[in-house]
């Protein structure tokens, strides 16, 4: 929190935004499992998203939380591209080919008569104001 205080102007406001994959959505859960397995359970797949330091800080007041649903519609190439854009997904080799195969399978089982599927996110926004202390 000290870094946020340092870079904000005296009347500054803070917004922290996370897009959390909605694990209650069947396709998004399947995508998450493929990413987790394909990345060899890379730590980025289980990042700590705690705002405890913000809540405990005397640097910020009027802390509010806003949640909303966001959907990312992707075709098959977009779904594969989304996975490949993650730094922790292998860039080549058999593991990447397995990920592509698994993504193709879930895409085909979920797209129905549409040309896309939707990855569902719960977007969480934390808003806070810089305290005058």
N, C-alpha and C. Protein backbone atom coordinates (compact mmCIF):
# COMPACT_ATOMS: atom_id res chain seq x y z
N UNK A 1 0.79 -1.19 0.00
CA UNK A 1 0.00 0.00 0.00
C UNK A 1 0.85 1.27 0.00
N UNK A 2 2.03 1.27 0.58
CA UNK A 2 2.83 2.50 0.56
C UNK A 2 3.13 2.98 -0.87
N UNK A 3 3.31 2.04 -1.79
CA UNK A 3 3.60 2.44 -3.17
C UNK A 3 2.41 3.14 -3.80
N UNK A 4 1.21 2.67 -3.53
CA UNK A 4 0.01 3.34 -4.04
C UNK A 4 -0.07 4.77 -3.48
N UNK A 5 0.19 4.90 -2.19
CA UNK A 5 0.15 6.22 -1.56
C UNK A 5 1.20 7.13 -2.21
N UNK A 6 2.36 6.60 -2.46
CA UNK A 6 3.45 7.40 -3.01
C UNK A 6 3.11 7.95 -4.40
N UNK A 7 2.49 7.15 -5.24
CA UNK A 7 2.28 7.58 -6.62
C UNK A 7 0.98 8.37 -6.83
N UNK A 8 0.06 8.30 -5.87
CA UNK A 8 -1.20 9.03 -6.01
C UNK A 8 -1.05 10.49 -5.59
N UNK A 9 -1.78 11.35 -6.29
CA UNK A 9 -1.84 12.75 -5.88
C UNK A 9 -2.66 12.83 -4.60
N UNK A 10 -2.58 13.94 -3.86
CA UNK A 10 -3.27 14.05 -2.56
C UNK A 10 -4.77 13.72 -2.60
N UNK A 11 -5.44 14.04 -3.67
CA UNK A 11 -6.88 13.72 -3.75
C UNK A 11 -7.11 12.43 -4.52
N UNK A 12 -6.08 11.60 -4.62
CA UNK A 12 -6.11 10.41 -5.46
C UNK A 12 -7.10 9.35 -5.05
N UNK A 13 -7.51 8.59 -6.04
CA UNK A 13 -8.40 7.45 -5.84
C UNK A 13 -7.73 6.21 -6.42
N UNK A 14 -8.04 5.08 -5.82
CA UNK A 14 -7.43 3.82 -6.20
C UNK A 14 -8.50 2.87 -6.72
N UNK A 15 -8.19 2.18 -7.80
CA UNK A 15 -9.06 1.12 -8.31
C UNK A 15 -8.19 -0.11 -8.57
N UNK A 16 -8.56 -1.21 -7.98
CA UNK A 16 -7.90 -2.50 -8.21
C UNK A 16 -8.93 -3.39 -8.88
N UNK A 17 -8.57 -3.97 -10.03
CA UNK A 17 -9.52 -4.75 -10.82
C UNK A 17 -8.96 -6.15 -11.06
N UNK A 18 -9.79 -7.15 -10.78
CA UNK A 18 -9.43 -8.53 -11.07
C UNK A 18 -10.54 -9.18 -11.88
N UNK A 19 -10.15 -9.89 -12.91
CA UNK A 19 -11.07 -10.74 -13.64
C UNK A 19 -10.83 -12.17 -13.17
N UNK A 20 -11.75 -12.68 -12.40
CA UNK A 20 -11.63 -14.04 -11.85
C UNK A 20 -12.46 -14.98 -12.69
N UNK A 21 -11.87 -16.06 -13.14
CA UNK A 21 -12.64 -17.03 -13.92
C UNK A 21 -13.78 -17.59 -13.08
N UNK A 22 -14.96 -17.61 -13.67
CA UNK A 22 -16.14 -18.10 -12.97
C UNK A 22 -16.14 -19.63 -13.02
N UNK A 23 -15.82 -20.22 -11.91
CA UNK A 23 -15.71 -21.69 -11.87
C UNK A 23 -17.05 -22.38 -11.72
N UNK A 24 -18.14 -21.61 -11.70
CA UNK A 24 -19.47 -22.23 -11.72
C UNK A 24 -19.96 -22.41 -13.16
N UNK A 25 -19.27 -21.79 -14.12
CA UNK A 25 -19.60 -21.95 -15.53
C UNK A 25 -18.85 -23.17 -16.06
N UNK A 26 -19.56 -24.09 -16.67
CA UNK A 26 -18.99 -25.37 -17.09
C UNK A 26 -17.80 -25.21 -18.05
N UNK A 27 -17.96 -24.40 -19.08
CA UNK A 27 -16.87 -24.21 -20.05
C UNK A 27 -15.67 -23.53 -19.39
N UNK A 28 -15.92 -22.49 -18.60
CA UNK A 28 -14.84 -21.76 -17.96
C UNK A 28 -14.10 -22.64 -16.96
N UNK A 29 -14.82 -23.48 -16.26
CA UNK A 29 -14.18 -24.43 -15.35
C UNK A 29 -13.31 -25.41 -16.13
N UNK A 30 -13.81 -25.92 -17.24
CA UNK A 30 -13.03 -26.85 -18.06
C UNK A 30 -11.76 -26.15 -18.58
N UNK A 31 -11.91 -24.91 -19.05
CA UNK A 31 -10.76 -24.14 -19.51
C UNK A 31 -9.73 -23.99 -18.38
N UNK A 32 -10.21 -23.67 -17.18
CA UNK A 32 -9.33 -23.50 -16.03
C UNK A 32 -8.57 -24.77 -15.72
N UNK A 33 -9.25 -25.90 -15.77
CA UNK A 33 -8.59 -27.19 -15.49
C UNK A 33 -7.53 -27.50 -16.55
N UNK A 34 -7.84 -27.20 -17.81
CA UNK A 34 -6.86 -27.43 -18.88
C UNK A 34 -5.63 -26.54 -18.66
N UNK A 35 -5.86 -25.27 -18.33
CA UNK A 35 -4.75 -24.34 -18.10
C UNK A 35 -3.92 -24.78 -16.89
N UNK A 36 -4.60 -25.20 -15.84
CA UNK A 36 -3.90 -25.62 -14.63
C UNK A 36 -3.04 -26.86 -14.91
N UNK A 37 -3.62 -27.86 -15.53
CA UNK A 37 -2.89 -29.09 -15.83
C UNK A 37 -1.79 -28.84 -16.86
N UNK A 38 -2.13 -28.11 -17.92
CA UNK A 38 -1.17 -27.84 -18.99
C UNK A 38 0.01 -27.00 -18.56
N UNK A 39 -0.19 -26.17 -17.54
CA UNK A 39 0.90 -25.33 -17.05
C UNK A 39 1.69 -26.02 -15.95
N UNK A 40 1.36 -27.28 -15.71
CA UNK A 40 2.03 -28.03 -14.65
C UNK A 40 1.77 -27.38 -13.29
N UNK A 41 0.53 -26.92 -13.11
CA UNK A 41 0.08 -26.28 -11.87
C UNK A 41 0.95 -25.07 -11.49
N UNK A 42 1.23 -24.25 -12.50
CA UNK A 42 2.05 -23.05 -12.30
C UNK A 42 1.44 -22.17 -11.21
N UNK A 43 2.27 -21.55 -10.37
CA UNK A 43 1.74 -20.71 -9.28
C UNK A 43 0.83 -19.58 -9.74
N UNK A 44 0.99 -19.11 -10.97
CA UNK A 44 0.14 -18.02 -11.46
C UNK A 44 -1.32 -18.45 -11.52
N UNK A 45 -1.57 -19.73 -11.60
CA UNK A 45 -2.94 -20.24 -11.64
C UNK A 45 -3.61 -20.20 -10.27
N UNK A 46 -2.87 -19.89 -9.23
CA UNK A 46 -3.48 -19.82 -7.90
C UNK A 46 -2.98 -18.58 -7.15
N UNK A 47 -2.91 -17.46 -7.87
CA UNK A 47 -2.44 -16.21 -7.27
C UNK A 47 -3.29 -15.81 -6.07
N UNK A 48 -2.62 -15.19 -5.12
CA UNK A 48 -3.33 -14.64 -3.96
C UNK A 48 -3.99 -13.34 -4.39
N UNK A 49 -5.28 -13.25 -4.21
CA UNK A 49 -6.01 -12.05 -4.58
C UNK A 49 -6.59 -11.36 -3.35
N UNK A 50 -5.85 -11.39 -2.29
CA UNK A 50 -6.31 -10.83 -1.03
C UNK A 50 -6.18 -9.31 -1.04
N UNK A 51 -7.19 -8.65 -0.52
CA UNK A 51 -7.10 -7.20 -0.35
C UNK A 51 -6.90 -6.85 1.12
N UNK A 52 -6.53 -7.82 1.90
CA UNK A 52 -6.30 -7.56 3.33
C UNK A 52 -5.34 -6.39 3.56
N UNK A 53 -4.24 -6.28 2.80
CA UNK A 53 -3.37 -5.11 3.03
C UNK A 53 -4.09 -3.78 2.81
N UNK A 54 -4.99 -3.74 1.84
CA UNK A 54 -5.76 -2.52 1.60
C UNK A 54 -6.70 -2.24 2.77
N UNK A 55 -7.40 -3.27 3.23
CA UNK A 55 -8.34 -3.09 4.33
C UNK A 55 -7.64 -2.70 5.63
N UNK A 56 -6.44 -3.20 5.82
CA UNK A 56 -5.71 -2.93 7.06
C UNK A 56 -4.96 -1.61 7.03
N UNK A 57 -4.83 -1.03 5.85
CA UNK A 57 -4.05 0.19 5.69
C UNK A 57 -4.81 1.42 6.17
N UNK A 58 -4.10 2.30 6.84
CA UNK A 58 -4.70 3.58 7.21
C UNK A 58 -4.52 4.61 6.08
N UNK A 59 -3.89 4.20 4.99
CA UNK A 59 -3.66 5.10 3.86
C UNK A 59 -4.91 5.33 3.02
N UNK A 60 -5.90 4.43 3.14
CA UNK A 60 -7.08 4.53 2.29
C UNK A 60 -8.37 4.45 3.10
N UNK A 61 -9.38 5.16 2.62
CA UNK A 61 -10.69 5.17 3.27
C UNK A 61 -11.76 4.93 2.21
N UNK A 62 -12.99 4.84 2.68
CA UNK A 62 -14.15 4.69 1.79
C UNK A 62 -13.95 3.55 0.79
N UNK A 63 -13.53 2.41 1.30
CA UNK A 63 -13.26 1.25 0.44
C UNK A 63 -14.58 0.60 0.04
N UNK A 64 -14.75 0.41 -1.25
CA UNK A 64 -15.97 -0.19 -1.78
C UNK A 64 -15.60 -1.34 -2.72
N UNK A 65 -16.51 -2.28 -2.85
CA UNK A 65 -16.32 -3.40 -3.75
C UNK A 65 -17.49 -3.47 -4.72
N UNK A 66 -17.17 -3.65 -5.97
CA UNK A 66 -18.20 -3.82 -7.00
C UNK A 66 -17.90 -5.11 -7.76
N UNK A 67 -18.91 -5.92 -7.96
CA UNK A 67 -18.75 -7.17 -8.71
C UNK A 67 -19.70 -7.15 -9.90
N UNK A 68 -19.23 -7.65 -11.02
CA UNK A 68 -20.12 -7.83 -12.16
C UNK A 68 -19.59 -8.95 -13.02
N UNK A 69 -20.45 -9.47 -13.88
CA UNK A 69 -20.10 -10.58 -14.76
C UNK A 69 -19.64 -10.03 -16.10
N UNK A 70 -18.59 -10.62 -16.62
CA UNK A 70 -18.06 -10.25 -17.93
C UNK A 70 -17.88 -11.54 -18.73
N UNK A 71 -18.28 -11.52 -19.98
CA UNK A 71 -18.10 -12.68 -20.85
C UNK A 71 -17.16 -12.32 -21.99
N UNK A 72 -16.24 -13.24 -22.26
CA UNK A 72 -15.32 -13.08 -23.38
C UNK A 72 -15.73 -14.11 -24.43
N UNK A 73 -16.36 -13.64 -25.52
CA UNK A 73 -16.77 -14.52 -26.60
C UNK A 73 -15.58 -14.78 -27.51
N UNK A 74 -15.29 -16.05 -27.75
CA UNK A 74 -14.14 -16.43 -28.58
C UNK A 74 -14.50 -17.57 -29.50
N UNK A 75 -13.92 -17.54 -30.70
CA UNK A 75 -14.04 -18.69 -31.58
C UNK A 75 -12.92 -19.67 -31.18
N UNK A 76 -12.77 -20.74 -31.92
CA UNK A 76 -11.77 -21.75 -31.53
C UNK A 76 -10.37 -21.15 -31.50
N UNK A 77 -10.01 -20.39 -32.53
CA UNK A 77 -8.67 -19.80 -32.55
C UNK A 77 -8.49 -18.79 -31.42
N UNK A 78 -9.55 -18.08 -31.06
CA UNK A 78 -9.49 -17.15 -29.94
C UNK A 78 -9.31 -17.87 -28.61
N UNK A 79 -9.97 -19.01 -28.46
CA UNK A 79 -9.84 -19.80 -27.23
C UNK A 79 -8.41 -20.31 -27.08
N UNK A 80 -7.87 -20.84 -28.18
CA UNK A 80 -6.49 -21.33 -28.16
C UNK A 80 -5.53 -20.16 -27.95
N UNK A 81 -5.78 -19.04 -28.63
CA UNK A 81 -4.93 -17.87 -28.48
C UNK A 81 -4.96 -17.32 -27.07
N UNK A 82 -6.13 -17.36 -26.44
CA UNK A 82 -6.26 -16.89 -25.05
C UNK A 82 -5.36 -17.71 -24.14
N UNK A 83 -5.39 -19.02 -24.32
CA UNK A 83 -4.54 -19.89 -23.49
C UNK A 83 -3.06 -19.67 -23.80
N UNK A 84 -2.72 -19.59 -25.08
CA UNK A 84 -1.31 -19.43 -25.45
C UNK A 84 -0.75 -18.08 -25.02
N UNK A 85 -1.60 -17.10 -24.79
CA UNK A 85 -1.10 -15.79 -24.37
C UNK A 85 -0.67 -15.76 -22.91
N UNK A 86 -1.06 -16.76 -22.15
CA UNK A 86 -0.65 -16.83 -20.74
C UNK A 86 0.83 -17.20 -20.66
N UNK A 87 1.57 -16.47 -19.88
CA UNK A 87 3.01 -16.67 -19.80
C UNK A 87 3.40 -18.06 -19.28
N UNK A 88 2.51 -18.70 -18.56
CA UNK A 88 2.83 -19.99 -17.93
C UNK A 88 2.43 -21.20 -18.78
N UNK A 89 1.84 -20.96 -19.95
CA UNK A 89 1.48 -22.06 -20.86
C UNK A 89 2.68 -22.35 -21.75
N UNK A 90 3.03 -23.63 -21.94
CA UNK A 90 4.18 -23.97 -22.80
C UNK A 90 4.00 -23.37 -24.20
N UNK A 91 5.08 -22.92 -24.79
CA UNK A 91 5.02 -22.30 -26.11
C UNK A 91 5.18 -23.30 -27.26
N UNK A 92 5.57 -24.52 -26.93
CA UNK A 92 5.72 -25.55 -27.95
C UNK A 92 5.78 -26.92 -27.27
N UNK A 93 5.80 -27.94 -28.11
CA UNK A 93 5.97 -29.29 -27.59
C UNK A 93 4.68 -30.04 -27.32
N UNK A 94 4.82 -31.25 -26.80
CA UNK A 94 3.66 -32.12 -26.58
C UNK A 94 2.64 -31.55 -25.59
N UNK A 95 3.12 -30.83 -24.58
CA UNK A 95 2.17 -30.26 -23.61
C UNK A 95 1.27 -29.23 -24.28
N UNK A 96 1.84 -28.40 -25.13
CA UNK A 96 1.03 -27.42 -25.85
C UNK A 96 0.05 -28.12 -26.78
N UNK A 97 0.49 -29.15 -27.46
CA UNK A 97 -0.40 -29.88 -28.36
C UNK A 97 -1.56 -30.52 -27.60
N UNK A 98 -1.30 -31.01 -26.40
CA UNK A 98 -2.36 -31.57 -25.56
C UNK A 98 -3.35 -30.49 -25.16
N UNK A 99 -2.86 -29.31 -24.79
CA UNK A 99 -3.73 -28.19 -24.44
C UNK A 99 -4.62 -27.83 -25.62
N UNK A 100 -4.03 -27.71 -26.80
CA UNK A 100 -4.79 -27.37 -28.01
C UNK A 100 -5.85 -28.42 -28.29
N UNK A 101 -5.50 -29.69 -28.15
CA UNK A 101 -6.45 -30.78 -28.37
C UNK A 101 -7.60 -30.72 -27.37
N UNK A 102 -7.27 -30.51 -26.10
CA UNK A 102 -8.30 -30.42 -25.06
C UNK A 102 -9.20 -29.21 -25.26
N UNK A 103 -8.62 -28.06 -25.64
CA UNK A 103 -9.41 -26.87 -25.89
C UNK A 103 -10.34 -27.06 -27.09
N UNK A 104 -9.84 -27.73 -28.11
CA UNK A 104 -10.66 -28.02 -29.30
C UNK A 104 -11.85 -28.89 -28.90
N UNK A 105 -11.61 -29.85 -28.06
CA UNK A 105 -12.68 -30.74 -27.59
C UNK A 105 -13.74 -29.97 -26.80
N UNK A 106 -13.32 -29.13 -25.86
CA UNK A 106 -14.34 -28.42 -25.08
C UNK A 106 -15.05 -27.38 -25.94
N UNK A 107 -14.34 -26.79 -26.89
CA UNK A 107 -14.98 -25.83 -27.79
C UNK A 107 -16.08 -26.52 -28.57
N UNK A 108 -15.76 -27.66 -29.16
CA UNK A 108 -16.74 -28.37 -29.98
C UNK A 108 -17.92 -28.87 -29.16
N UNK A 109 -17.70 -29.21 -27.92
CA UNK A 109 -18.80 -29.70 -27.09
C UNK A 109 -19.67 -28.57 -26.53
N UNK A 110 -19.19 -27.32 -26.61
CA UNK A 110 -19.96 -26.20 -26.04
C UNK A 110 -20.47 -25.18 -27.06
N UNK A 111 -19.97 -25.20 -28.28
CA UNK A 111 -20.36 -24.12 -29.20
C UNK A 111 -21.74 -24.33 -29.81
N UNK A 112 -22.23 -25.55 -29.87
CA UNK A 112 -23.56 -25.79 -30.44
C UNK A 112 -23.65 -25.26 -31.85
N UNK A 113 -24.69 -24.48 -32.14
CA UNK A 113 -24.84 -23.94 -33.49
C UNK A 113 -24.24 -22.54 -33.62
N UNK A 114 -23.53 -22.08 -32.59
CA UNK A 114 -22.87 -20.78 -32.63
C UNK A 114 -21.43 -20.98 -33.13
N UNK A 115 -20.81 -19.90 -33.51
CA UNK A 115 -19.42 -19.97 -33.95
C UNK A 115 -18.47 -19.49 -32.85
N UNK A 116 -18.97 -19.44 -31.62
CA UNK A 116 -18.14 -18.99 -30.51
C UNK A 116 -18.62 -19.64 -29.22
N UNK A 117 -17.76 -19.55 -28.21
CA UNK A 117 -18.10 -19.93 -26.85
C UNK A 117 -17.79 -18.73 -25.95
N UNK A 118 -18.26 -18.76 -24.74
CA UNK A 118 -18.04 -17.63 -23.82
C UNK A 118 -17.29 -18.08 -22.57
N UNK A 119 -16.15 -17.46 -22.34
CA UNK A 119 -15.47 -17.62 -21.07
C UNK A 119 -16.10 -16.59 -20.13
N UNK A 120 -16.48 -17.03 -18.95
CA UNK A 120 -17.21 -16.16 -18.03
C UNK A 120 -16.29 -15.77 -16.87
N UNK A 121 -16.28 -14.48 -16.59
CA UNK A 121 -15.46 -13.93 -15.52
C UNK A 121 -16.34 -13.21 -14.52
N UNK A 122 -15.94 -13.26 -13.28
CA UNK A 122 -16.51 -12.40 -12.26
C UNK A 122 -15.49 -11.27 -12.09
N UNK A 123 -15.85 -10.11 -12.55
CA UNK A 123 -14.95 -8.97 -12.43
C UNK A 123 -15.19 -8.32 -11.08
N UNK A 124 -14.13 -8.16 -10.33
CA UNK A 124 -14.22 -7.55 -9.00
C UNK A 124 -13.38 -6.27 -9.02
N UNK A 125 -14.01 -5.19 -8.62
CA UNK A 125 -13.35 -3.89 -8.58
C UNK A 125 -13.36 -3.39 -7.14
N UNK A 126 -12.20 -3.02 -6.65
CA UNK A 126 -12.08 -2.41 -5.33
C UNK A 126 -11.75 -0.93 -5.55
N UNK A 127 -12.53 -0.07 -4.94
CA UNK A 127 -12.33 1.37 -5.04
C UNK A 127 -11.99 1.91 -3.66
N UNK A 128 -11.08 2.84 -3.60
CA UNK A 128 -10.70 3.44 -2.33
C UNK A 128 -10.22 4.87 -2.56
N UNK A 129 -10.33 5.67 -1.52
CA UNK A 129 -9.84 7.04 -1.58
C UNK A 129 -8.62 7.18 -0.67
N UNK A 130 -7.69 7.98 -1.12
CA UNK A 130 -6.51 8.24 -0.32
C UNK A 130 -6.91 9.04 0.92
N UNK A 131 -6.51 8.57 2.09
CA UNK A 131 -6.88 9.28 3.32
C UNK A 131 -6.01 10.54 3.46
N UNK A 132 -6.47 11.46 4.24
CA UNK A 132 -5.75 12.72 4.44
C UNK A 132 -4.71 12.64 5.54
N UNK A 133 -4.53 11.45 6.12
CA UNK A 133 -3.58 11.33 7.23
C UNK A 133 -2.19 11.05 6.76
